[in-house]
């Protein structure tokens, strides 16, 4: 994102930040939702078979099935957490609050709270929590302090630890070390 923003200085960029159930929304979605009697294509637990690519294939069958297990957990979180609230009355759902310092540094000029179809009460709560995290970042708090504030404001660290509702998993303080380690080992 940063490379695109920097290469187009005359354009303002916006990104999703909070509150909808699928990271493949809008231009990233290549299927239909809401057909009568049908689950969304991306939410179907399809049957899979691992077929090795031969000597050139880097992914093992174990890696493949581990990936599928993570996908099943993401499906569960996507279906079961998005219309609920934490005990502190913060909407659960897909979130990018931990990425706000990185997005600001990259030159993103606005964030979008997704969910025009959600009740007004949920919209108001969403605006309040995003505004609080934006204020923390604008105050000049460190990246780690803003992330900590975001997790605290969410009020349910367990969902953050799972990472299945993150728009930007690389910014999640509980996952970023694992993501960085995996990236380094792949190079």
N, C-alpha and C. Protein backbone atom coordinates (compact mmCIF):
# COMPACT_ATOMS: atom_id res chain seq x y z
N UNK A 1 0.82 -1.19 0.00
CA UNK A 1 0.00 0.00 0.00
C UNK A 1 0.87 1.25 0.00
N UNK A 2 1.92 1.20 0.81
CA UNK A 2 2.79 2.37 0.92
C UNK A 2 3.40 2.72 -0.43
N UNK A 3 3.84 1.73 -1.19
CA UNK A 3 4.44 2.00 -2.50
C UNK A 3 3.44 2.66 -3.44
N UNK A 4 2.21 2.21 -3.41
CA UNK A 4 1.18 2.79 -4.28
C UNK A 4 0.91 4.24 -3.88
N UNK A 5 0.74 4.47 -2.57
CA UNK A 5 0.46 5.82 -2.08
C UNK A 5 1.60 6.76 -2.44
N UNK A 6 2.84 6.34 -2.21
CA UNK A 6 4.00 7.19 -2.48
C UNK A 6 4.16 7.48 -3.98
N UNK A 7 3.75 6.54 -4.81
CA UNK A 7 3.89 6.75 -6.26
C UNK A 7 2.78 7.62 -6.85
N UNK A 8 1.77 7.93 -6.06
CA UNK A 8 0.65 8.76 -6.53
C UNK A 8 0.38 9.88 -5.52
N UNK A 9 1.27 10.83 -5.36
CA UNK A 9 1.15 11.83 -4.29
C UNK A 9 -0.06 12.76 -4.43
N UNK A 10 -0.66 12.85 -5.60
CA UNK A 10 -1.80 13.75 -5.78
C UNK A 10 -3.14 13.09 -5.50
N UNK A 11 -3.12 11.82 -5.12
CA UNK A 11 -4.36 11.08 -4.87
C UNK A 11 -4.47 10.78 -3.38
N UNK A 12 -5.68 10.93 -2.85
CA UNK A 12 -5.93 10.55 -1.47
C UNK A 12 -6.36 9.08 -1.45
N UNK A 13 -5.87 8.34 -0.47
CA UNK A 13 -6.18 6.92 -0.37
C UNK A 13 -6.93 6.61 0.92
N UNK A 14 -7.86 5.69 0.80
CA UNK A 14 -8.69 5.25 1.92
C UNK A 14 -8.55 3.73 2.05
N UNK A 15 -8.71 3.23 3.26
CA UNK A 15 -8.64 1.79 3.46
C UNK A 15 -9.67 1.36 4.50
N UNK A 16 -10.07 0.12 4.44
CA UNK A 16 -10.99 -0.43 5.44
C UNK A 16 -10.28 -0.49 6.79
N UNK A 17 -11.02 -0.22 7.85
CA UNK A 17 -10.40 -0.23 9.17
C UNK A 17 -11.19 -1.07 10.17
N UNK A 18 -12.51 -1.20 9.99
CA UNK A 18 -13.28 -1.81 11.06
C UNK A 18 -14.64 -2.28 10.58
N UNK A 19 -15.05 -3.43 11.10
CA UNK A 19 -16.46 -3.74 11.22
C UNK A 19 -17.13 -4.55 10.13
N UNK A 20 -16.49 -5.24 9.30
CA UNK A 20 -17.26 -6.11 8.42
C UNK A 20 -16.61 -7.47 8.38
N UNK A 21 -17.38 -8.42 7.95
CA UNK A 21 -17.01 -9.81 8.19
C UNK A 21 -16.06 -10.43 7.19
N UNK A 22 -15.76 -9.81 6.12
CA UNK A 22 -14.94 -10.51 5.13
C UNK A 22 -13.83 -9.61 4.59
N UNK A 23 -12.59 -10.06 4.65
CA UNK A 23 -11.51 -9.24 4.10
C UNK A 23 -11.50 -9.23 2.57
N UNK A 24 -12.40 -9.98 1.96
CA UNK A 24 -12.46 -10.02 0.50
C UNK A 24 -13.59 -9.16 -0.06
N UNK A 25 -14.00 -8.14 0.70
CA UNK A 25 -15.10 -7.28 0.27
C UNK A 25 -14.73 -6.46 -0.94
N UNK A 26 -15.77 -5.95 -1.57
CA UNK A 26 -15.67 -5.01 -2.68
C UNK A 26 -14.79 -5.55 -3.80
N UNK A 27 -13.73 -4.86 -4.15
CA UNK A 27 -12.94 -5.25 -5.32
C UNK A 27 -12.17 -6.53 -5.12
N UNK A 28 -12.00 -6.98 -3.87
CA UNK A 28 -11.29 -8.22 -3.62
C UNK A 28 -12.20 -9.44 -3.63
N UNK A 29 -13.49 -9.23 -3.77
CA UNK A 29 -14.44 -10.32 -3.77
C UNK A 29 -14.76 -10.70 -5.21
N UNK A 30 -14.67 -11.97 -5.49
CA UNK A 30 -14.91 -12.44 -6.86
C UNK A 30 -16.02 -13.48 -6.90
N UNK A 31 -17.03 -13.29 -6.07
CA UNK A 31 -18.13 -14.24 -6.02
C UNK A 31 -19.40 -13.52 -5.60
N UNK A 32 -20.49 -14.25 -5.51
CA UNK A 32 -21.77 -13.68 -5.12
C UNK A 32 -22.11 -14.07 -3.70
N UNK A 33 -22.83 -13.18 -3.01
CA UNK A 33 -23.30 -13.45 -1.66
C UNK A 33 -24.81 -13.35 -1.62
N UNK A 34 -25.39 -14.03 -0.67
CA UNK A 34 -26.81 -13.86 -0.39
C UNK A 34 -27.78 -14.50 -1.36
N UNK A 35 -27.34 -15.46 -2.14
CA UNK A 35 -28.29 -16.15 -3.00
C UNK A 35 -29.22 -16.97 -2.13
N UNK A 36 -30.50 -17.00 -2.42
CA UNK A 36 -31.44 -17.74 -1.57
C UNK A 36 -31.02 -19.19 -1.37
N UNK A 37 -30.94 -19.59 -0.10
CA UNK A 37 -30.60 -20.96 0.24
C UNK A 37 -29.14 -21.33 0.08
N UNK A 38 -28.29 -20.36 -0.23
CA UNK A 38 -26.87 -20.63 -0.46
C UNK A 38 -26.01 -19.85 0.52
N UNK A 39 -24.96 -20.48 1.00
CA UNK A 39 -23.97 -19.78 1.79
C UNK A 39 -23.05 -19.04 0.81
N UNK A 40 -22.39 -18.00 1.28
CA UNK A 40 -21.43 -17.30 0.43
C UNK A 40 -20.36 -18.29 -0.02
N UNK A 41 -19.96 -18.18 -1.27
CA UNK A 41 -18.97 -19.08 -1.85
C UNK A 41 -17.72 -19.17 -1.00
N UNK A 42 -17.26 -18.01 -0.49
CA UNK A 42 -16.02 -17.99 0.30
C UNK A 42 -16.22 -18.54 1.71
N UNK A 43 -17.46 -18.82 2.11
CA UNK A 43 -17.73 -19.35 3.44
C UNK A 43 -18.10 -20.83 3.42
N UNK A 44 -18.02 -21.46 2.28
CA UNK A 44 -18.32 -22.88 2.19
C UNK A 44 -17.09 -23.68 2.59
N UNK A 45 -17.28 -24.70 3.40
CA UNK A 45 -16.16 -25.59 3.75
C UNK A 45 -16.05 -26.66 2.66
N UNK A 46 -15.29 -26.34 1.64
CA UNK A 46 -15.13 -27.24 0.50
C UNK A 46 -14.28 -28.44 0.90
N UNK A 47 -14.48 -29.54 0.20
CA UNK A 47 -13.61 -30.70 0.38
C UNK A 47 -12.36 -30.47 -0.46
N UNK A 48 -11.21 -30.89 0.07
CA UNK A 48 -9.94 -30.65 -0.59
C UNK A 48 -9.13 -31.93 -0.68
N UNK A 49 -8.31 -31.97 -1.68
CA UNK A 49 -7.36 -33.08 -1.83
C UNK A 49 -6.01 -32.47 -2.16
N UNK A 50 -4.99 -32.91 -1.46
CA UNK A 50 -3.64 -32.40 -1.71
C UNK A 50 -3.04 -33.19 -2.86
N UNK A 51 -2.56 -32.46 -3.87
CA UNK A 51 -1.88 -33.09 -5.01
C UNK A 51 -0.51 -32.44 -5.12
N UNK A 52 0.56 -33.19 -4.81
CA UNK A 52 1.91 -32.59 -4.84
C UNK A 52 2.28 -32.14 -6.25
N UNK A 53 3.08 -31.08 -6.30
CA UNK A 53 3.50 -30.53 -7.58
C UNK A 53 4.76 -31.17 -8.11
N UNK A 54 5.25 -32.16 -7.45
CA UNK A 54 6.50 -32.79 -7.87
C UNK A 54 7.67 -32.17 -7.13
N UNK A 55 8.85 -32.30 -7.70
CA UNK A 55 10.07 -31.82 -7.02
C UNK A 55 10.06 -30.31 -6.81
N UNK A 56 9.39 -29.55 -7.67
CA UNK A 56 9.39 -28.10 -7.57
C UNK A 56 8.45 -27.57 -6.49
N UNK A 57 7.54 -28.39 -5.98
CA UNK A 57 6.57 -27.93 -4.99
C UNK A 57 7.21 -27.72 -3.63
N UNK A 58 7.03 -26.55 -3.06
CA UNK A 58 7.63 -26.24 -1.77
C UNK A 58 6.68 -26.57 -0.62
N UNK A 59 5.40 -26.63 -0.91
CA UNK A 59 4.42 -26.86 0.15
C UNK A 59 4.22 -28.36 0.35
N UNK A 60 4.27 -28.77 1.60
CA UNK A 60 4.06 -30.17 1.90
C UNK A 60 2.58 -30.41 2.20
N UNK A 61 2.21 -31.66 2.23
CA UNK A 61 0.82 -32.01 2.57
C UNK A 61 0.48 -31.52 3.98
N UNK A 62 1.43 -31.60 4.88
CA UNK A 62 1.22 -31.12 6.25
C UNK A 62 0.95 -29.61 6.25
N UNK A 63 1.72 -28.84 5.47
CA UNK A 63 1.51 -27.40 5.36
C UNK A 63 0.10 -27.11 4.82
N UNK A 64 -0.29 -27.87 3.82
CA UNK A 64 -1.59 -27.67 3.18
C UNK A 64 -2.72 -27.88 4.19
N UNK A 65 -2.68 -28.95 4.93
CA UNK A 65 -3.75 -29.23 5.89
C UNK A 65 -3.71 -28.28 7.09
N UNK A 66 -2.53 -27.81 7.44
CA UNK A 66 -2.44 -26.78 8.49
C UNK A 66 -3.13 -25.50 8.00
N UNK A 67 -2.89 -25.14 6.75
CA UNK A 67 -3.55 -23.97 6.15
C UNK A 67 -5.07 -24.15 6.16
N UNK A 68 -5.55 -25.33 5.82
CA UNK A 68 -6.99 -25.57 5.82
C UNK A 68 -7.59 -25.47 7.21
N UNK A 69 -6.85 -25.91 8.22
CA UNK A 69 -7.34 -25.77 9.61
C UNK A 69 -7.47 -24.30 9.99
N UNK A 70 -6.49 -23.48 9.59
CA UNK A 70 -6.59 -22.04 9.84
C UNK A 70 -7.78 -21.45 9.09
N UNK A 71 -8.02 -21.91 7.88
CA UNK A 71 -9.16 -21.41 7.10
C UNK A 71 -10.48 -21.76 7.80
N UNK A 72 -10.59 -22.95 8.34
CA UNK A 72 -11.81 -23.33 9.07
C UNK A 72 -12.01 -22.44 10.30
N UNK A 73 -10.93 -22.10 10.99
CA UNK A 73 -11.04 -21.22 12.15
C UNK A 73 -11.44 -19.81 11.72
N UNK A 74 -10.90 -19.36 10.58
CA UNK A 74 -11.29 -18.06 10.05
C UNK A 74 -12.78 -18.07 9.70
N UNK A 75 -13.25 -19.14 9.06
CA UNK A 75 -14.67 -19.24 8.74
C UNK A 75 -15.52 -19.16 10.00
N UNK A 76 -15.10 -19.88 11.04
CA UNK A 76 -15.85 -19.86 12.29
C UNK A 76 -15.91 -18.43 12.85
N UNK A 77 -14.76 -17.78 12.92
CA UNK A 77 -14.71 -16.42 13.47
C UNK A 77 -15.54 -15.47 12.61
N UNK A 78 -15.45 -15.61 11.31
CA UNK A 78 -16.19 -14.75 10.40
C UNK A 78 -17.70 -14.91 10.58
N UNK A 79 -18.15 -16.12 10.78
CA UNK A 79 -19.58 -16.38 10.93
C UNK A 79 -20.11 -16.05 12.32
N UNK A 80 -19.29 -16.21 13.35
CA UNK A 80 -19.80 -16.17 14.72
C UNK A 80 -19.44 -14.93 15.53
N UNK A 81 -18.52 -14.12 15.05
CA UNK A 81 -18.08 -12.99 15.87
C UNK A 81 -18.52 -11.64 15.33
N UNK A 82 -18.96 -11.57 14.12
CA UNK A 82 -19.17 -10.28 13.49
C UNK A 82 -20.41 -9.52 13.90
N UNK A 83 -21.41 -10.19 14.41
CA UNK A 83 -22.63 -9.50 14.80
C UNK A 83 -22.76 -9.40 16.31
N UNK A 84 -21.66 -9.60 17.02
CA UNK A 84 -21.69 -9.59 18.48
C UNK A 84 -20.90 -8.40 19.00
N UNK A 85 -20.88 -8.27 20.31
CA UNK A 85 -20.17 -7.18 20.98
C UNK A 85 -19.32 -7.76 22.09
N UNK A 86 -18.24 -7.05 22.45
CA UNK A 86 -17.44 -7.46 23.60
C UNK A 86 -18.20 -7.08 24.87
N UNK A 87 -17.69 -7.51 26.01
CA UNK A 87 -18.33 -7.16 27.28
C UNK A 87 -18.31 -5.66 27.54
N UNK A 88 -17.38 -4.95 26.89
CA UNK A 88 -17.30 -3.50 27.06
C UNK A 88 -18.08 -2.76 25.96
N UNK A 89 -18.96 -3.48 25.27
CA UNK A 89 -19.85 -2.91 24.26
C UNK A 89 -19.13 -2.39 23.01
N UNK A 90 -18.05 -3.04 22.65
CA UNK A 90 -17.35 -2.71 21.41
C UNK A 90 -17.75 -3.76 20.38
N UNK A 91 -18.10 -3.35 19.16
CA UNK A 91 -18.47 -4.34 18.15
C UNK A 91 -17.31 -5.29 17.85
N UNK A 92 -17.61 -6.58 17.83
CA UNK A 92 -16.64 -7.54 17.31
C UNK A 92 -16.71 -7.45 15.80
N UNK A 93 -15.75 -7.98 15.15
CA UNK A 93 -15.76 -7.98 13.69
C UNK A 93 -14.37 -7.72 13.17
N UNK A 94 -14.25 -7.74 11.87
CA UNK A 94 -12.97 -7.54 11.25
C UNK A 94 -12.43 -6.17 11.64
N UNK A 95 -11.13 -6.12 11.92
CA UNK A 95 -10.56 -4.93 12.54
C UNK A 95 -9.16 -4.66 11.99
N UNK A 96 -8.85 -3.38 11.86
CA UNK A 96 -7.51 -2.98 11.46
C UNK A 96 -6.94 -1.91 12.37
N UNK A 97 -7.49 -1.80 13.59
CA UNK A 97 -7.08 -0.73 14.51
C UNK A 97 -5.59 -0.75 14.81
N UNK A 98 -5.00 -1.91 14.95
CA UNK A 98 -3.56 -2.00 15.26
C UNK A 98 -2.70 -1.45 14.12
N UNK A 99 -3.25 -1.39 12.93
CA UNK A 99 -2.48 -0.93 11.77
C UNK A 99 -2.53 0.58 11.58
N UNK A 100 -3.31 1.29 12.39
CA UNK A 100 -3.45 2.73 12.18
C UNK A 100 -2.11 3.47 12.12
N UNK A 101 -1.16 3.23 13.02
CA UNK A 101 0.13 3.95 12.88
C UNK A 101 0.84 3.64 11.55
N UNK A 102 0.81 2.39 11.13
CA UNK A 102 1.44 2.01 9.86
C UNK A 102 0.73 2.65 8.67
N UNK A 103 -0.60 2.67 8.73
CA UNK A 103 -1.38 3.26 7.63
C UNK A 103 -1.12 4.77 7.54
N UNK A 104 -1.05 5.42 8.69
CA UNK A 104 -0.75 6.86 8.69
C UNK A 104 0.65 7.11 8.13
N UNK A 105 1.61 6.30 8.54
CA UNK A 105 2.99 6.46 8.05
C UNK A 105 3.07 6.20 6.55
N UNK A 106 2.20 5.33 6.05
CA UNK A 106 2.20 5.01 4.63
C UNK A 106 1.54 6.10 3.79
N UNK A 107 0.85 7.03 4.45
CA UNK A 107 0.21 8.12 3.72
C UNK A 107 -1.27 7.93 3.45
N UNK A 108 -1.89 6.93 4.07
CA UNK A 108 -3.33 6.74 3.93
C UNK A 108 -4.01 7.95 4.56
N UNK A 109 -4.96 8.56 3.85
CA UNK A 109 -5.57 9.81 4.32
C UNK A 109 -6.92 9.61 4.99
N UNK A 110 -7.56 8.49 4.79
CA UNK A 110 -8.84 8.25 5.48
C UNK A 110 -9.06 6.75 5.65
N UNK A 111 -9.89 6.44 6.64
CA UNK A 111 -10.22 5.05 6.90
C UNK A 111 -11.74 4.89 6.77
N UNK A 112 -12.15 3.70 6.38
CA UNK A 112 -13.58 3.43 6.18
C UNK A 112 -14.05 2.41 7.20
N UNK A 113 -15.08 2.79 7.91
CA UNK A 113 -15.75 1.84 8.80
C UNK A 113 -16.82 1.18 7.95
N UNK A 114 -16.63 -0.05 7.65
CA UNK A 114 -17.50 -0.78 6.73
C UNK A 114 -18.77 -1.19 7.46
N UNK A 115 -19.84 -1.37 6.72
CA UNK A 115 -21.05 -1.91 7.31
C UNK A 115 -22.25 -1.00 7.22
N UNK A 116 -22.56 -0.52 6.04
CA UNK A 116 -23.72 0.36 5.91
C UNK A 116 -25.02 -0.36 6.27
N UNK A 117 -24.99 -1.70 6.28
CA UNK A 117 -26.20 -2.47 6.57
C UNK A 117 -26.40 -2.74 8.05
N UNK A 118 -25.43 -2.37 8.90
CA UNK A 118 -25.54 -2.68 10.33
C UNK A 118 -26.41 -1.64 11.04
N UNK A 119 -26.95 -2.00 12.20
CA UNK A 119 -27.78 -1.05 12.95
C UNK A 119 -27.01 0.22 13.33
N UNK A 120 -27.74 1.32 13.45
CA UNK A 120 -27.12 2.60 13.79
C UNK A 120 -26.31 2.55 15.08
N UNK A 121 -26.80 1.81 16.07
CA UNK A 121 -26.09 1.70 17.34
C UNK A 121 -24.69 1.13 17.12
N UNK A 122 -24.59 0.10 16.31
CA UNK A 122 -23.28 -0.51 16.01
C UNK A 122 -22.39 0.49 15.27
N UNK A 123 -22.97 1.24 14.34
CA UNK A 123 -22.19 2.25 13.61
C UNK A 123 -21.62 3.29 14.56
N UNK A 124 -22.45 3.78 15.49
CA UNK A 124 -21.99 4.80 16.44
C UNK A 124 -20.85 4.27 17.32
N UNK A 125 -21.00 3.05 17.82
CA UNK A 125 -19.94 2.46 18.64
C UNK A 125 -18.65 2.28 17.83
N UNK A 126 -18.80 1.90 16.58
CA UNK A 126 -17.63 1.70 15.72
C UNK A 126 -16.90 3.02 15.48
N UNK A 127 -17.66 4.08 15.21
CA UNK A 127 -17.04 5.39 14.99
C UNK A 127 -16.28 5.82 16.25
N UNK A 128 -16.88 5.60 17.42
CA UNK A 128 -16.23 6.01 18.66
C UNK A 128 -14.90 5.30 18.88
N UNK A 129 -14.87 3.99 18.66
CA UNK A 129 -13.62 3.26 18.92
C UNK A 129 -12.55 3.60 17.90
N UNK A 130 -12.92 3.75 16.64
CA UNK A 130 -11.93 4.13 15.63
C UNK A 130 -11.40 5.53 15.92
N UNK A 131 -12.29 6.45 16.30
CA UNK A 131 -11.86 7.82 16.62
C UNK A 131 -10.88 7.82 17.80
N UNK A 132 -11.13 6.99 18.81
CA UNK A 132 -10.23 6.95 19.97
C UNK A 132 -8.83 6.47 19.56
N UNK A 133 -8.77 5.46 18.72
CA UNK A 133 -7.45 4.96 18.29
C UNK A 133 -6.77 5.98 17.39
N UNK A 134 -7.51 6.63 16.51
CA UNK A 134 -6.93 7.68 15.67
C UNK A 134 -6.38 8.81 16.53
N UNK A 135 -7.11 9.18 17.58
CA UNK A 135 -6.62 10.22 18.50
C UNK A 135 -5.31 9.80 19.16
N UNK A 136 -5.23 8.56 19.60
CA UNK A 136 -3.99 8.07 20.24
C UNK A 136 -2.81 8.19 19.27
N UNK A 137 -3.05 7.80 18.01
CA UNK A 137 -1.98 7.88 17.02
C UNK A 137 -1.61 9.33 16.73
N UNK A 138 -2.61 10.22 16.67
CA UNK A 138 -2.36 11.63 16.39
C UNK A 138 -1.64 12.32 17.55
N UNK A 139 -1.79 11.80 18.76
CA UNK A 139 -1.10 12.35 19.93
C UNK A 139 0.39 12.06 19.89
N UNK A 140 0.81 11.20 18.99
CA UNK A 140 2.22 10.88 18.87
C UNK A 140 2.67 9.68 19.68
N UNK A 141 1.71 8.89 20.17
CA UNK A 141 2.09 7.68 20.90
C UNK A 141 2.89 6.76 19.98
N UNK A 142 3.74 5.95 20.56
CA UNK A 142 4.53 5.01 19.76
C UNK A 142 3.59 3.99 19.11
N UNK A 143 4.11 3.35 18.11
CA UNK A 143 3.36 2.31 17.40
C UNK A 143 2.87 1.24 18.38
N UNK A 144 3.75 0.79 19.27
CA UNK A 144 3.38 -0.24 20.24
C UNK A 144 2.31 0.26 21.21
N UNK A 145 2.42 1.52 21.63
CA UNK A 145 1.43 2.08 22.55
C UNK A 145 0.06 2.22 21.89
N UNK A 146 0.04 2.59 20.61
CA UNK A 146 -1.23 2.69 19.89
C UNK A 146 -1.85 1.30 19.74
N UNK A 147 -1.02 0.32 19.41
CA UNK A 147 -1.52 -1.05 19.30
C UNK A 147 -2.09 -1.53 20.63
N UNK A 148 -1.37 -1.26 21.73
CA UNK A 148 -1.83 -1.67 23.04
C UNK A 148 -3.17 -0.98 23.38
N UNK A 149 -3.27 0.30 23.04
CA UNK A 149 -4.53 1.03 23.29
C UNK A 149 -5.67 0.43 22.46
N UNK A 150 -5.38 0.06 21.23
CA UNK A 150 -6.41 -0.53 20.36
C UNK A 150 -6.93 -1.84 20.95
N UNK A 151 -6.02 -2.69 21.38
CA UNK A 151 -6.41 -3.97 21.96
C UNK A 151 -7.20 -3.74 23.25
N UNK A 152 -6.75 -2.81 24.07
CA UNK A 152 -7.44 -2.51 25.33
C UNK A 152 -8.84 -1.95 25.06
N UNK A 153 -8.95 -1.05 24.09
CA UNK A 153 -10.26 -0.48 23.77
C UNK A 153 -11.22 -1.52 23.21
N UNK A 154 -10.69 -2.49 22.48
CA UNK A 154 -11.55 -3.56 21.96
C UNK A 154 -12.19 -4.32 23.11
N UNK A 155 -11.43 -4.52 24.18
CA UNK A 155 -11.99 -5.15 25.36
C UNK A 155 -12.01 -6.67 25.35
N UNK A 156 -11.50 -7.29 24.30
CA UNK A 156 -11.46 -8.75 24.24
C UNK A 156 -10.18 -9.18 23.53
N UNK A 157 -9.13 -9.31 24.32
CA UNK A 157 -7.83 -9.64 23.77
C UNK A 157 -7.83 -11.00 23.07
N UNK A 158 -8.72 -11.89 23.46
CA UNK A 158 -8.71 -13.25 22.90
C UNK A 158 -8.93 -13.23 21.39
N UNK A 159 -9.81 -12.40 20.89
CA UNK A 159 -10.03 -12.34 19.44
C UNK A 159 -8.81 -11.75 18.73
N UNK A 160 -8.17 -10.80 19.37
CA UNK A 160 -6.95 -10.23 18.78
C UNK A 160 -5.85 -11.30 18.73
N UNK A 161 -5.74 -12.09 19.78
CA UNK A 161 -4.72 -13.14 19.82
C UNK A 161 -4.93 -14.17 18.71
N UNK A 162 -6.18 -14.49 18.41
CA UNK A 162 -6.46 -15.45 17.34
C UNK A 162 -6.07 -14.90 15.98
N UNK A 163 -6.34 -13.63 15.75
CA UNK A 163 -5.95 -12.98 14.50
C UNK A 163 -6.83 -13.28 13.31
N UNK A 164 -7.92 -13.99 13.51
CA UNK A 164 -8.75 -14.36 12.37
C UNK A 164 -9.69 -13.25 11.92
N UNK A 165 -9.73 -12.15 12.65
CA UNK A 165 -10.58 -11.03 12.26
C UNK A 165 -9.75 -9.80 11.88
N UNK A 166 -8.47 -10.00 11.62
CA UNK A 166 -7.58 -8.88 11.28
C UNK A 166 -7.62 -8.56 9.79
N UNK A 167 -7.81 -7.28 9.49
CA UNK A 167 -7.59 -6.84 8.11
C UNK A 167 -6.09 -6.86 7.78
N UNK A 168 -5.27 -6.50 8.76
CA UNK A 168 -3.83 -6.36 8.55
C UNK A 168 -3.10 -7.21 9.59
N UNK A 169 -3.00 -8.49 9.34
CA UNK A 169 -2.41 -9.42 10.31
C UNK A 169 -0.98 -9.06 10.67
N UNK A 170 -0.24 -8.45 9.74
CA UNK A 170 1.14 -8.11 10.02
C UNK A 170 1.25 -6.99 11.06
N UNK A 171 0.17 -6.27 11.33
CA UNK A 171 0.18 -5.21 12.35
C UNK A 171 -0.30 -5.71 13.71
N UNK A 172 -0.87 -6.89 13.76
CA UNK A 172 -1.38 -7.44 15.01
C UNK A 172 -0.21 -7.72 15.94
N UNK A 173 -0.19 -7.12 17.14
CA UNK A 173 0.97 -7.29 18.03
C UNK A 173 1.16 -8.73 18.49
N UNK A 174 0.13 -9.54 18.45
CA UNK A 174 0.25 -10.93 18.87
C UNK A 174 0.71 -11.82 17.73
N UNK A 175 0.57 -11.35 16.50
CA UNK A 175 0.93 -12.15 15.34
C UNK A 175 2.15 -11.62 14.60
N UNK A 176 2.47 -10.36 14.76
CA UNK A 176 3.50 -9.73 13.93
C UNK A 176 4.85 -10.43 14.04
N UNK A 177 5.21 -10.90 15.22
CA UNK A 177 6.49 -11.62 15.36
C UNK A 177 6.47 -12.93 14.58
N UNK A 178 5.33 -13.63 14.62
CA UNK A 178 5.23 -14.89 13.88
C UNK A 178 5.22 -14.64 12.38
N UNK A 179 4.53 -13.58 11.92
CA UNK A 179 4.49 -13.24 10.50
C UNK A 179 5.89 -12.87 10.03
N UNK A 180 6.60 -12.05 10.82
CA UNK A 180 7.96 -11.64 10.45
C UNK A 180 8.89 -12.84 10.41
N UNK A 181 8.79 -13.73 11.37
CA UNK A 181 9.65 -14.92 11.40
C UNK A 181 9.40 -15.80 10.19
N UNK A 182 8.13 -15.96 9.81
CA UNK A 182 7.79 -16.79 8.65
C UNK A 182 8.33 -16.15 7.38
N UNK A 183 8.23 -14.83 7.26
CA UNK A 183 8.71 -14.12 6.07
C UNK A 183 10.22 -14.27 5.95
N UNK A 184 10.93 -14.12 7.07
CA UNK A 184 12.39 -14.24 7.05
C UNK A 184 12.80 -15.67 6.66
N UNK A 185 12.09 -16.67 7.18
CA UNK A 185 12.47 -18.05 6.89
C UNK A 185 12.19 -18.42 5.44
N UNK A 186 11.25 -17.70 4.79
CA UNK A 186 10.92 -18.00 3.40
C UNK A 186 11.94 -17.38 2.43
N UNK A 187 12.67 -16.34 2.91
CA UNK A 187 13.61 -15.66 2.01
C UNK A 187 14.87 -16.42 1.77
